[in-house]
Amino acid sequence: MPVQIGGLVFALAWRPAAEWTGVRSETDVIRMLPESDQDAVGRMLLEGQATVRDVTEAAHDVLSLVTGRKWWEGHRLLQISVQPETLGHLALAGVDPWQRSAYEWCAATYALHTKHADEKARMKFDFQLSLPPRGYEDEWGSDGDNPEAVQKQLAAWMGG
């Protein structure tokens, strides 16, 4: 998978979902690059050829690509997936994080949490998943989300 930072493209090899569940920050995504590429990114930062924002955006792009969702949604699903009860259900269902992609693992986690949910509970889960982290609120509607639809979802979730 190509990772572009400061005009250079680095190659990130496929990794199983189990490795993606360990991502806690953008730096963890960069640590998945080969060591020589990590060194190159460090030099680019020191020499001003790339900024911390460039690295952060690249890590977010990677998380979006590997999970098939907005980066924060994919990250949340990865984190939810390793909670004991969720992980237990996934293990009992035979979903192996060492054999599955992050995309499949996130899809399985989502399916588990919405499987028996009624429409209101599913909408609540979707809404909570969709909220961007503090400081990234502007990205919430960046892919064409309809503000009226979001307001309608919020009203339904709140019981109105």
Protein backbone atom coordinates (compact mmCIF):
# COMPACT_ATOMS: atom_id res chain seq x y z
CA MET A 1 0.00 0.00 0.00
CA PRO A 2 1.46 3.38 -0.93
CA VAL A 3 1.94 5.97 1.81
CA GLN A 4 2.69 9.47 0.58
CA ILE A 5 4.47 11.87 2.92
CA GLY A 6 5.99 15.16 1.83
CA GLY A 7 6.03 14.22 -1.84
CA LEU A 8 7.69 10.83 -1.34
CA VAL A 9 5.86 7.53 -1.59
CA PHE A 10 6.64 4.69 0.80
CA ALA A 11 5.39 1.11 0.57
CA LEU A 12 3.53 -0.38 3.50
CA ALA A 13 3.20 -4.16 3.31
CA TRP A 14 -0.09 -5.93 4.08
CA ARG A 15 -0.54 -6.65 7.75
CA PRO A 16 -3.17 -8.75 9.51
CA ALA A 17 -5.89 -7.15 11.61
CA ALA A 18 -4.14 -8.28 14.79
CA GLU A 19 -1.32 -5.82 14.09
CA TRP A 20 -3.71 -2.96 13.31
CA THR A 21 -5.44 -3.41 16.68
CA GLY A 22 -2.21 -2.22 18.29
CA VAL A 23 -2.39 1.21 16.64
CA ARG A 24 -2.87 3.80 19.35
CA SER A 25 -1.54 6.86 17.51
CA GLU A 26 -0.45 8.06 14.10
CA THR A 27 3.13 7.25 15.05
CA ASP A 28 2.18 3.57 15.35
CA VAL A 29 1.11 3.60 11.69
CA ILE A 30 4.49 5.05 10.64
CA ARG A 31 6.23 2.35 12.73
CA MET A 32 4.68 -0.23 10.39
CA LEU A 33 6.90 1.05 7.57
CA PRO A 34 10.26 -0.66 7.04
CA GLU A 35 12.95 0.76 9.34
CA SER A 36 14.76 2.53 6.48
CA ASP A 37 11.52 4.30 5.52
CA GLN A 38 10.90 5.27 9.15
CA ASP A 39 14.38 6.81 9.18
CA ALA A 40 13.63 8.66 5.93
CA VAL A 41 10.41 10.09 7.39
CA GLY A 42 12.35 11.21 10.47
CA ARG A 43 14.96 12.93 8.29
CA MET A 44 12.21 14.61 6.27
CA LEU A 45 10.71 16.00 9.46
CA LEU A 46 14.08 17.23 10.74
CA GLU A 47 14.98 18.82 7.41
CA GLY A 48 11.58 20.48 6.97
CA GLN A 49 10.63 18.46 3.88
CA ALA A 50 7.56 17.19 5.72
CA THR A 51 5.53 18.40 8.67
CA VAL A 52 3.94 16.59 11.55
CA ARG A 53 0.62 17.39 9.86
CA ASP A 54 1.82 15.62 6.68
CA VAL A 55 2.66 12.51 8.70
CA THR A 56 -0.63 12.67 10.61
CA GLU A 57 -2.66 13.01 7.40
CA ALA A 58 -0.75 10.13 5.80
CA ALA A 59 -1.46 7.91 8.82
CA HIS A 60 -5.14 8.86 8.69
CA ASP A 61 -5.26 8.06 4.96
CA VAL A 62 -3.73 4.65 5.66
CA LEU A 63 -6.26 3.89 8.43
CA SER A 64 -9.09 4.86 6.08
CA LEU A 65 -7.74 2.63 3.33
CA VAL A 66 -7.14 -0.44 5.46
CA THR A 67 -10.44 -0.24 7.38
CA GLY A 68 -12.68 1.00 4.57
CA ARG A 69 -14.11 3.72 6.83
CA LYS A 70 -13.31 7.20 8.00
CA TRP A 71 -10.02 6.91 9.87
CA TRP A 72 -11.52 7.56 13.30
CA GLU A 73 -14.34 5.08 12.74
CA GLY A 74 -11.87 2.39 11.70
CA HIS A 75 -9.64 3.21 14.66
CA ARG A 76 -12.60 3.00 17.06
CA LEU A 77 -13.72 -0.34 15.64
CA LEU A 78 -10.17 -1.68 15.99
CA GLN A 79 -10.12 -0.56 19.62
CA ILE A 80 -13.60 -1.95 20.34
CA SER A 81 -12.58 -5.28 18.80
CA VAL A 82 -10.01 -5.99 21.50
CA GLN A 83 -12.36 -5.36 24.41
CA PRO A 84 -12.71 -8.71 26.22
CA GLU A 85 -16.39 -9.35 25.45
CA THR A 86 -16.12 -8.33 21.78
CA LEU A 87 -12.89 -10.26 21.28
CA GLY A 88 -14.44 -13.29 22.92
CA HIS A 89 -17.45 -13.23 20.60
CA LEU A 90 -15.22 -12.78 17.55
CA ALA A 91 -13.01 -15.68 18.68
CA LEU A 92 -16.04 -17.92 19.27
CA ALA A 93 -17.28 -17.02 15.79
CA GLY A 94 -13.95 -18.23 14.42
CA VAL A 95 -12.77 -14.84 13.14
CA ASP A 96 -8.96 -14.97 13.31
CA PRO A 97 -7.31 -11.52 13.45
CA TRP A 98 -4.04 -13.03 12.18
CA GLN A 99 -5.76 -14.26 9.00
CA ARG A 100 -8.10 -11.33 8.34
CA SER A 101 -7.52 -7.85 7.01
CA ALA A 102 -8.30 -4.80 9.12
CA TYR A 103 -11.24 -4.18 6.77
CA GLU A 104 -12.73 -7.62 7.46
CA TRP A 105 -12.00 -7.38 11.19
CA CYS A 106 -13.74 -4.00 11.44
CA ALA A 107 -16.68 -5.31 9.43
CA ALA A 108 -16.97 -8.30 11.79
CA THR A 109 -16.77 -6.02 14.84
CA TYR A 110 -19.46 -3.74 13.42
CA ALA A 111 -21.68 -6.71 12.54
CA LEU A 112 -21.30 -8.13 16.05
CA HIS A 113 -22.33 -4.84 17.67
CA THR A 114 -25.32 -4.25 15.41
CA LYS A 115 -26.51 -7.83 14.83
CA HIS A 116 -29.41 -7.83 17.27
CA ALA A 117 -29.82 -4.06 17.58
CA ASP A 118 -33.11 -2.46 16.72
CA GLU A 119 -33.04 0.56 14.43
CA LYS A 120 -32.69 3.05 17.29
CA ALA A 121 -29.80 1.15 18.90
CA ARG A 122 -28.05 0.75 15.54
CA MET A 123 -28.45 4.46 14.81
CA LYS A 124 -27.01 5.28 18.25
CA PHE A 125 -24.02 3.01 17.62
CA ASP A 126 -23.53 4.51 14.13
CA PHE A 127 -23.76 8.04 15.49
CA GLN A 128 -21.26 7.40 18.28
CA LEU A 129 -18.92 5.74 15.80
CA SER A 130 -19.22 8.64 13.38
CA LEU A 131 -18.30 11.42 15.82
CA PRO A 132 -14.81 12.64 14.96
CA PRO A 133 -12.29 13.09 17.77
CA ARG A 134 -11.81 16.51 19.32
CA GLY A 135 -10.01 18.78 16.89
CA TYR A 136 -11.23 16.95 13.77
CA GLU A 137 -14.87 18.07 13.75
CA ASP A 138 -14.43 19.73 10.34
CA GLU A 139 -13.76 16.32 8.80
CA TRP A 140 -17.15 14.96 9.87
CA GLY A 141 -19.03 16.33 6.88
CA SER A 142 -16.11 16.41 4.45
CA ASP A 143 -17.35 13.51 2.35
CA GLY A 144 -20.73 15.00 1.57
CA ASP A 145 -22.67 14.05 4.72
CA ASN A 146 -26.08 15.66 4.62
CA PRO A 147 -26.46 17.96 7.67
CA GLU A 148 -30.24 17.43 7.67
CA ALA A 149 -29.79 13.66 7.71
CA VAL A 150 -27.33 13.97 10.60
CA GLN A 151 -29.79 16.15 12.51
CA LYS A 152 -32.57 13.64 11.82
CA GLN A 153 -30.36 10.79 13.07
CA LEU A 154 -29.50 12.73 16.19
CA ALA A 155 -33.18 13.49 16.87
CA ALA A 156 -34.09 9.81 16.41
CA TRP A 157 -31.28 8.76 18.72
CA MET A 158 -32.43 11.25 21.35
CA GLY A 159 -35.95 9.83 21.12
CA GLY A 160 -37.54 12.67 19.17
